[in-house]
Amino acid sequence: MEALADFFLKNFFLICLALGVIFMVLRNYRAKRIVVLMPILVVSSALLLSVIYAIEKACQTHPDLLFAATFCCALGFIIRPLILYFFMRITITEKIVLRIAVGLIILNAIVYCLGLFIFAPDLTQAIFYYSIEGNTLKFNRGPLFYFAYFVVGVMMVYFIIYSIVSLKGRHRYDALASLICTGFIGIAVILETFLVADYLLNTTIAIACLFYVVHLYQQASIRDALTNLFDRKAYYSDLAKIESKVKGLMMVDMNSLKWINDNEGHEAGDVAIKTIAEVLEHSIDSRSMYVYRMGGDEFTIISLSTKDNAMENLAAKIKMELSKTNYSIALGYSTKNNDCPDIKTMSKKAEEMMYADKAAFYHESGRERRKI
């Protein structure tokens, strides 16, 4: 009973964090399944790691529990890189990277499973082993003991590089959050390795996971539910920060959405809007351009690119990609120059061009705009 109370007190913060994360992600019914499942696996594994560590500590005072102590130690080091993998799965989608991580985790599991052969001293002493000293078990490290730390280190180095590279992409906020979380975990790994700080890594992983889940909720609050593009609120928020850096602006409006809604249903209209959004998102240069759904079938793209003809090339690419679909848009754009020195003037000029493009579409198609 005393051991249970001690475990509860040492892990009270971790338990609260784990329950908090599980509650938050289960309520996030709109999220992808992996975004719901992986945070639960992260905090559950961290909590399991603490339970395993507590059992191992209890076994150390009973020499007859030599194998149980050895098993708990091996299991703990098998789980450690697995927790980081669960965390990585929330943000990383590249299959080759995930397969390499799985390969490292399997190799790590094999190494520490070898440590269970307590009747093969030459083998186990190369990894880790317990020796009986009086009425207690003494833990001993072999040259391969830190293999799990090596695996975690390799995974974290890639995770950091991946996050830094992604800072200039369309998912820059997710990348920054991942980088912060990786920093938390990295510091905890170093402290636990060299200072033997019990339970530190488990709690830090749970904190990092909670931080990232809160970040996902914050991002969801400024993203459009249908297209997952940033919404009008995000547009004005971003503009307030980077207005002086904006070099170009484009306005996009879908043609014939009313006709689709009236004749094919609003579900078909949603499909049309999502298709337009996907075309826009995949057409922009994610390092210097950002696309927002302003509402309905209206979209805005801002560009920080200083390249000549960046907006003209973007317009041509969007038109070409849309020609592969059954949908049509009107677009207009402007760039910062003497005639358009600020966002207000750029917006007005882009809007004028967009309406001219829309009028040309209805004139050439012979359709009546008010009916469609």
Protein backbone atom coordinates (compact mmCIF):
# COMPACT_ATOMS: atom_id res chain seq x y z
CA MET A 1 0.00 0.00 0.00
CA GLU A 2 2.87 2.34 0.83
CA ALA A 3 4.49 1.63 -2.56
CA LEU A 4 1.20 2.42 -4.32
CA ALA A 5 0.84 5.72 -2.47
CA ASP A 6 4.45 6.62 -3.32
CA PHE A 7 3.82 5.85 -7.00
CA PHE A 8 0.66 7.95 -7.03
CA LEU A 9 2.40 10.94 -5.44
CA LYS A 10 5.38 10.79 -7.80
CA ASN A 11 3.16 10.44 -10.86
CA PHE A 12 0.19 12.58 -9.87
CA PHE A 13 1.15 15.32 -12.35
CA LEU A 14 1.66 12.76 -15.14
CA ILE A 15 -1.70 11.10 -14.43
CA CYS A 16 -3.50 14.45 -14.56
CA LEU A 17 -1.78 15.35 -17.84
CA ALA A 18 -2.63 11.98 -19.37
CA LEU A 19 -6.29 12.23 -18.41
CA GLY A 20 -6.42 15.82 -19.67
CA VAL A 21 -4.95 14.90 -23.07
CA ILE A 22 -7.27 11.90 -23.47
CA PHE A 23 -10.31 14.02 -22.60
CA MET A 24 -9.34 16.77 -25.05
CA VAL A 25 -8.64 14.55 -28.04
CA LEU A 26 -11.73 12.39 -27.54
CA ARG A 27 -13.87 15.52 -27.67
CA ASN A 28 -12.17 16.64 -30.88
CA TYR A 29 -14.53 14.61 -33.05
CA ARG A 30 -13.71 16.60 -36.21
CA ALA A 31 -10.04 15.67 -36.16
CA LYS A 32 -8.46 12.92 -38.23
CA ARG A 33 -8.41 9.54 -36.53
CA ILE A 34 -4.62 9.58 -36.25
CA VAL A 35 -4.71 12.97 -34.47
CA VAL A 36 -7.08 11.45 -31.92
CA LEU A 37 -5.35 8.08 -31.53
CA MET A 38 -1.68 9.07 -31.38
CA PRO A 39 -1.86 11.55 -28.45
CA ILE A 40 -3.73 8.88 -26.47
CA LEU A 41 -1.00 6.35 -27.27
CA VAL A 42 1.70 8.86 -26.30
CA VAL A 43 0.36 9.67 -22.83
CA SER A 44 -0.79 6.09 -22.17
CA SER A 45 2.68 4.77 -23.04
CA ALA A 46 4.33 7.42 -20.86
CA LEU A 47 2.10 6.39 -17.95
CA LEU A 48 2.82 2.70 -18.64
CA LEU A 49 6.53 3.48 -18.59
CA SER A 50 6.19 4.94 -15.10
CA VAL A 51 4.29 1.86 -13.92
CA ILE A 52 7.00 -0.42 -15.34
CA TYR A 53 9.71 1.67 -13.69
CA ALA A 54 7.92 1.50 -10.32
CA ILE A 55 7.60 -2.30 -10.57
CA GLU A 56 11.28 -2.58 -11.47
CA LYS A 57 12.23 -0.51 -8.42
CA ALA A 58 10.09 -2.73 -6.19
CA CYS A 59 11.72 -5.88 -7.60
CA GLN A 60 15.20 -4.57 -6.78
CA THR A 61 14.64 -5.26 -3.09
CA HIS A 62 13.80 -8.94 -3.73
CA PRO A 63 16.69 -11.03 -5.18
CA ASP A 64 14.25 -13.81 -6.06
CA LEU A 65 12.60 -11.44 -8.55
CA LEU A 66 15.73 -11.17 -10.71
CA PHE A 67 13.99 -12.04 -13.97
CA ALA A 68 11.03 -9.73 -13.25
CA ALA A 69 13.39 -6.79 -12.68
CA THR A 70 15.33 -7.65 -15.85
CA PHE A 71 12.10 -7.98 -17.85
CA CYS A 72 10.79 -4.60 -16.64
CA CYS A 73 14.06 -2.90 -17.52
CA ALA A 74 14.08 -4.37 -21.04
CA LEU A 75 10.42 -3.52 -21.58
CA GLY A 76 11.00 0.07 -20.44
CA PHE A 77 13.77 0.64 -22.96
CA ILE A 78 11.72 -0.97 -25.71
CA ILE A 79 8.84 1.43 -25.05
CA ARG A 80 10.92 4.64 -24.92
CA PRO A 81 11.54 5.12 -28.67
CA LEU A 82 8.03 3.84 -29.37
CA ILE A 83 6.56 6.82 -27.49
CA LEU A 84 8.55 9.25 -29.66
CA TYR A 85 7.36 7.39 -32.76
CA PHE A 86 3.73 7.87 -31.71
CA PHE A 87 4.42 11.58 -31.29
CA MET A 88 6.11 11.81 -34.69
CA ARG A 89 3.13 10.14 -36.36
CA ILE A 90 0.95 13.13 -35.48
CA THR A 91 2.88 15.42 -37.82
CA ILE A 92 5.02 13.31 -40.19
CA THR A 93 3.35 11.57 -43.14
CA GLU A 94 6.34 10.52 -45.29
CA LYS A 95 6.15 6.72 -45.43
CA ILE A 96 9.87 6.17 -45.98
CA VAL A 97 10.74 8.13 -42.84
CA LEU A 98 8.18 6.26 -40.76
CA ARG A 99 9.43 2.91 -42.08
CA ILE A 100 13.01 3.77 -41.11
CA ALA A 101 11.79 4.75 -37.63
CA VAL A 102 9.92 1.44 -37.32
CA GLY A 103 13.07 -0.40 -38.40
CA LEU A 104 15.09 1.34 -35.67
CA ILE A 105 12.42 0.54 -33.10
CA ILE A 106 12.44 -3.16 -34.05
CA LEU A 107 16.25 -3.27 -33.88
CA ASN A 108 16.11 -1.56 -30.48
CA ALA A 109 13.58 -4.15 -29.26
CA ILE A 110 15.83 -7.00 -30.40
CA VAL A 111 18.84 -5.55 -28.55
CA TYR A 112 17.02 -5.22 -25.23
CA CYS A 113 15.25 -8.56 -25.57
CA LEU A 114 18.70 -10.12 -25.69
CA GLY A 115 19.19 -8.70 -22.21
CA LEU A 116 16.56 -11.13 -20.94
CA PHE A 117 18.94 -14.07 -21.40
CA ILE A 118 20.12 -13.92 -17.81
CA PHE A 119 21.77 -17.33 -18.14
CA ALA A 120 24.09 -16.06 -20.87
CA PRO A 121 26.37 -13.64 -18.94
CA ASP A 122 28.61 -12.74 -21.86
CA LEU A 123 25.56 -11.64 -23.84
CA THR A 124 23.60 -9.84 -21.14
CA GLN A 125 26.60 -8.06 -19.66
CA ALA A 126 27.16 -6.39 -23.01
CA ILE A 127 23.75 -4.76 -22.65
CA PHE A 128 22.60 -4.61 -19.00
CA TYR A 129 22.20 -7.01 -16.11
CA TYR A 130 21.30 -7.27 -12.44
CA SER A 131 23.70 -8.75 -9.95
CA ILE A 132 22.68 -10.01 -6.49
CA GLU A 133 24.36 -8.13 -3.63
CA GLY A 134 23.08 -9.23 -0.26
CA ASN A 135 19.32 -8.72 -0.13
CA THR A 136 19.12 -6.38 -3.12
CA LEU A 137 19.64 -6.37 -6.85
CA LYS A 138 22.27 -4.04 -8.28
CA PHE A 139 21.76 -2.68 -11.78
CA ASN A 140 24.77 -2.74 -14.13
CA ARG A 141 25.21 -1.12 -17.53
CA GLY A 142 27.01 -2.68 -20.46
CA PRO A 143 28.47 -0.95 -23.54
CA LEU A 144 25.18 -1.41 -25.45
CA PHE A 145 23.00 -0.10 -22.63
CA TYR A 146 22.54 3.32 -24.26
CA PHE A 147 21.33 1.91 -27.56
CA ALA A 148 17.77 3.11 -26.85
CA TYR A 149 19.11 6.61 -26.28
CA PHE A 150 20.96 6.38 -29.59
CA VAL A 151 17.75 5.35 -31.39
CA VAL A 152 15.77 8.15 -29.74
CA GLY A 153 18.58 10.58 -30.59
CA VAL A 154 18.56 9.62 -34.29
CA MET A 155 14.77 9.97 -34.43
CA MET A 156 14.89 13.33 -32.69
CA VAL A 157 17.63 14.71 -34.95
CA TYR A 158 15.52 13.90 -37.98
CA PHE A 159 12.42 15.30 -36.30
CA ILE A 160 14.25 18.56 -35.61
CA ILE A 161 15.58 18.80 -39.18
CA TYR A 162 12.11 18.01 -40.56
CA SER A 163 10.56 20.72 -38.38
CA ILE A 164 13.16 23.34 -39.33
CA VAL A 165 12.73 22.63 -43.06
CA SER A 166 8.94 22.83 -42.66
CA LEU A 167 9.13 26.25 -40.99
CA LYS A 168 9.04 27.87 -44.44
CA GLY A 169 6.18 25.71 -45.70
CA ARG A 170 2.41 26.06 -45.53
CA HIS A 171 2.41 24.11 -42.25
CA ARG A 172 4.92 26.41 -40.57
CA TYR A 173 2.91 26.74 -37.35
CA ASP A 174 2.70 22.96 -36.94
CA ALA A 175 6.44 22.73 -37.62
CA LEU A 176 7.23 25.35 -34.98
CA ALA A 177 5.06 23.56 -32.41
CA SER A 178 6.79 20.26 -33.25
CA LEU A 179 10.19 21.92 -32.86
CA ILE A 180 9.29 23.25 -29.41
CA CYS A 181 7.96 19.86 -28.29
CA THR A 182 11.06 18.09 -29.60
CA GLY A 183 13.19 20.55 -27.65
CA PHE A 184 11.30 19.72 -24.45
CA ILE A 185 11.79 15.99 -24.97
CA GLY A 186 15.45 16.37 -25.99
CA ILE A 187 16.34 18.28 -22.83
CA ALA A 188 14.52 15.67 -20.74
CA VAL A 189 16.45 12.83 -22.44
CA ILE A 190 19.76 14.56 -21.71
CA LEU A 191 18.88 15.28 -18.07
CA GLU A 192 17.58 11.77 -17.45
CA THR A 193 20.65 10.21 -19.09
CA PHE A 194 23.32 12.13 -17.23
CA LEU A 195 21.54 13.10 -14.00
CA VAL A 196 19.48 9.91 -13.59
CA ALA A 197 16.32 11.98 -13.06
CA ASP A 198 13.53 9.47 -12.45
CA TYR A 199 10.16 10.01 -14.15
CA LEU A 200 11.38 13.21 -15.84
CA LEU A 201 11.11 11.95 -19.42
CA ASN A 202 7.64 10.45 -18.93
CA THR A 203 6.18 13.67 -17.57
CA THR A 204 7.95 15.83 -20.16
CA ILE A 205 6.55 13.73 -23.01
CA ALA A 206 3.04 14.15 -21.60
CA ILE A 207 3.58 17.92 -21.28
CA ALA A 208 4.84 18.11 -24.88
CA CYS A 209 1.85 16.12 -26.07
CA LEU A 210 -0.58 18.36 -24.20
CA PHE A 211 1.14 21.43 -25.64
CA TYR A 212 0.77 20.08 -29.17
CA VAL A 213 -2.88 19.11 -28.67
CA VAL A 214 -3.62 22.66 -27.45
CA HIS A 215 -1.78 23.94 -30.53
CA LEU A 216 -3.99 21.78 -32.77
CA TYR A 217 -7.10 23.19 -31.11
CA GLN A 218 -5.79 26.73 -31.58
CA GLN A 219 -5.09 26.05 -35.24
CA ALA A 220 -8.54 24.53 -35.69
CA SER A 221 -10.05 27.78 -34.39
CA ILE A 222 -8.55 29.74 -37.31
CA ARG A 223 -9.06 27.14 -40.03
CA ASP A 224 -12.07 26.65 -42.23
CA ALA A 225 -13.88 23.43 -41.31
CA LEU A 226 -14.71 22.46 -44.90
CA THR A 227 -11.40 23.08 -46.68
CA ASN A 228 -8.91 23.18 -43.77
CA LEU A 229 -7.54 26.41 -45.24
CA PHE A 230 -6.92 29.35 -42.94
CA ASP A 231 -10.05 31.46 -42.58
CA ARG A 232 -10.86 35.19 -42.68
CA LYS A 233 -9.82 35.63 -39.05
CA ALA A 234 -6.40 34.13 -39.78
CA TYR A 235 -6.06 36.36 -42.86
CA TYR A 236 -6.44 39.57 -40.90
CA SER A 237 -4.31 38.24 -38.07
CA ASP A 238 -1.47 37.31 -40.44
CA LEU A 239 -1.82 40.53 -42.38
CA ALA A 240 -1.33 42.56 -39.23
CA LYS A 241 2.05 40.85 -38.76
CA ILE A 242 3.38 40.69 -42.32
CA GLU A 243 1.59 43.47 -44.19
CA SER A 244 4.83 45.30 -44.99
CA LYS A 245 6.28 42.11 -46.54
CA VAL A 246 3.34 41.38 -48.84
CA LYS A 247 4.41 41.73 -52.50
CA GLY A 248 1.31 40.40 -54.23
CA LEU A 249 -2.36 39.68 -53.61
CA MET A 250 -4.86 37.53 -55.49
CA MET A 251 -8.63 37.24 -55.13
CA VAL A 252 -10.50 34.17 -56.34
CA ASP A 253 -14.25 33.66 -56.72
CA MET A 254 -15.94 30.54 -58.05
CA ASN A 255 -18.29 30.74 -61.03
CA SER A 256 -21.71 29.05 -61.05
CA LEU A 257 -21.75 27.87 -57.43
CA LYS A 258 -25.41 28.89 -57.08
CA TRP A 259 -26.34 26.75 -60.08
CA ILE A 260 -24.54 23.73 -58.56
CA ASN A 261 -26.28 24.22 -55.21
CA ASP A 262 -29.72 24.65 -56.78
CA ASN A 263 -29.46 21.81 -59.31
CA GLU A 264 -27.10 19.26 -57.76
CA GLY A 265 -27.46 20.02 -54.07
CA HIS A 266 -25.34 21.73 -51.44
CA GLU A 267 -23.24 18.60 -50.94
CA ALA A 268 -22.10 18.91 -54.57
CA GLY A 269 -21.43 22.59 -53.88
CA ASP A 270 -19.20 21.62 -50.94
CA VAL A 271 -17.29 19.22 -53.18
CA ALA A 272 -16.77 22.04 -55.68
CA ILE A 273 -15.46 24.41 -53.00
CA LYS A 274 -13.10 21.73 -51.62
CA THR A 275 -11.81 21.04 -55.13
CA ILE A 276 -11.09 24.74 -55.71
CA ALA A 277 -9.35 24.93 -52.33
CA GLU A 278 -7.14 21.94 -53.14
CA VAL A 279 -6.16 23.42 -56.50
CA LEU A 280 -5.23 26.73 -54.89
CA GLU A 281 -3.27 25.13 -52.07
CA HIS A 282 -1.26 22.91 -54.42
CA SER A 283 -0.63 25.69 -56.93
CA ILE A 284 0.97 28.19 -54.56
CA ASP A 285 4.62 28.30 -53.59
CA SER A 286 4.23 27.13 -50.00
CA ARG A 287 7.44 28.89 -48.95
CA SER A 288 6.17 32.38 -49.76
CA MET A 289 2.43 32.24 -50.47
CA TYR A 290 -0.59 31.66 -48.24
CA VAL A 291 -4.18 30.93 -49.22
CA TYR A 292 -7.30 31.72 -47.15
CA ARG A 293 -10.99 30.94 -47.53
CA MET A 294 -12.67 34.26 -46.86
CA GLY A 295 -16.18 32.80 -46.87
CA GLY A 296 -18.53 31.05 -49.29
CA ASP A 297 -16.72 30.60 -52.60
CA GLU A 298 -14.29 33.49 -52.04
CA PHE A 299 -10.56 32.95 -51.53
CA THR A 300 -7.57 35.25 -51.09
CA ILE A 301 -3.89 34.51 -51.67
CA ILE A 302 -1.10 36.70 -50.34
CA SER A 303 2.45 36.43 -51.65
CA LEU A 304 5.74 37.43 -50.08
CA SER A 305 7.68 36.39 -53.18
CA THR A 306 9.96 38.98 -54.75
CA LYS A 307 10.26 37.02 -58.00
CA ASP A 308 9.21 38.78 -61.19
CA ASN A 309 5.90 37.60 -62.64
CA ALA A 310 5.19 35.49 -59.53
CA MET A 311 1.47 36.39 -59.56
CA GLU A 312 1.14 35.98 -63.34
CA ASN A 313 2.72 32.53 -63.15
CA LEU A 314 0.48 31.59 -60.23
CA ALA A 315 -2.64 32.68 -62.13
CA ALA A 316 -1.61 30.64 -65.15
CA LYS A 317 -0.91 27.57 -63.02
CA ILE A 318 -4.27 27.81 -61.24
CA LYS A 319 -6.14 28.17 -64.53
CA MET A 320 -4.29 25.19 -65.99
CA GLU A 321 -5.02 22.96 -62.97
CA LEU A 322 -8.67 24.00 -62.90
CA SER A 323 -9.03 23.12 -66.59
CA LYS A 324 -8.66 19.49 -65.47
CA THR A 325 -11.82 19.81 -63.34
CA ASN A 326 -15.45 20.65 -64.08
CA TYR A 327 -15.25 23.98 -62.25
CA SER A 328 -14.48 27.56 -63.20
CA ILE A 329 -13.25 30.57 -61.27
CA ALA A 330 -12.73 34.28 -61.75
CA LEU A 331 -9.49 35.69 -60.38
CA GLY A 332 -7.72 38.99 -60.15
CA TYR A 333 -4.35 39.95 -58.77
CA SER A 334 -2.11 42.92 -58.13
CA THR A 335 1.46 43.50 -57.04
CA LYS A 336 2.99 46.15 -54.86
CA ASN A 337 4.25 49.08 -56.93
CA ASN A 338 3.85 52.85 -57.22
CA ASP A 339 0.20 52.48 -58.22
CA CYS A 340 -0.47 49.93 -55.47
CA PRO A 341 1.66 50.97 -52.49
CA ASP A 342 -0.47 49.31 -49.79
CA ILE A 343 -2.80 46.37 -49.13
CA LYS A 344 -5.97 48.45 -49.47
CA THR A 345 -5.07 49.61 -52.97
CA MET A 346 -3.81 46.15 -53.97
CA SER A 347 -7.09 44.59 -52.79
CA LYS A 348 -9.17 47.10 -54.76
CA LYS A 349 -7.21 46.51 -57.96
CA ALA A 350 -7.31 42.72 -57.58
CA GLU A 351 -11.05 42.87 -56.95
CA GLU A 352 -11.64 44.98 -60.06
CA MET A 353 -9.67 42.50 -62.17
CA MET A 354 -11.56 39.57 -60.67
CA TYR A 355 -14.98 41.08 -61.45
CA ALA A 356 -13.84 41.86 -64.99
CA ASP A 357 -12.75 38.22 -65.34
CA LYS A 358 -16.13 37.05 -64.02
CA ALA A 359 -18.03 39.33 -66.41
CA ALA A 360 -15.98 37.97 -69.30
CA PHE A 361 -16.83 34.40 -68.28
CA TYR A 362 -20.58 35.06 -68.27
CA HIS A 363 -20.40 37.01 -71.52
CA GLU A 364 -18.48 34.27 -73.32
CA SER A 365 -20.61 31.47 -71.90
CA GLY A 366 -23.86 33.29 -72.66
CA ARG A 367 -25.17 32.54 -69.17
CA GLU A 368 -27.14 34.93 -66.99
CA ARG A 369 -25.19 35.54 -63.84
CA ARG A 370 -28.20 36.26 -61.62
CA LYS A 371 -29.59 32.78 -62.36
CA ILE A 372 -26.40 30.89 -61.72
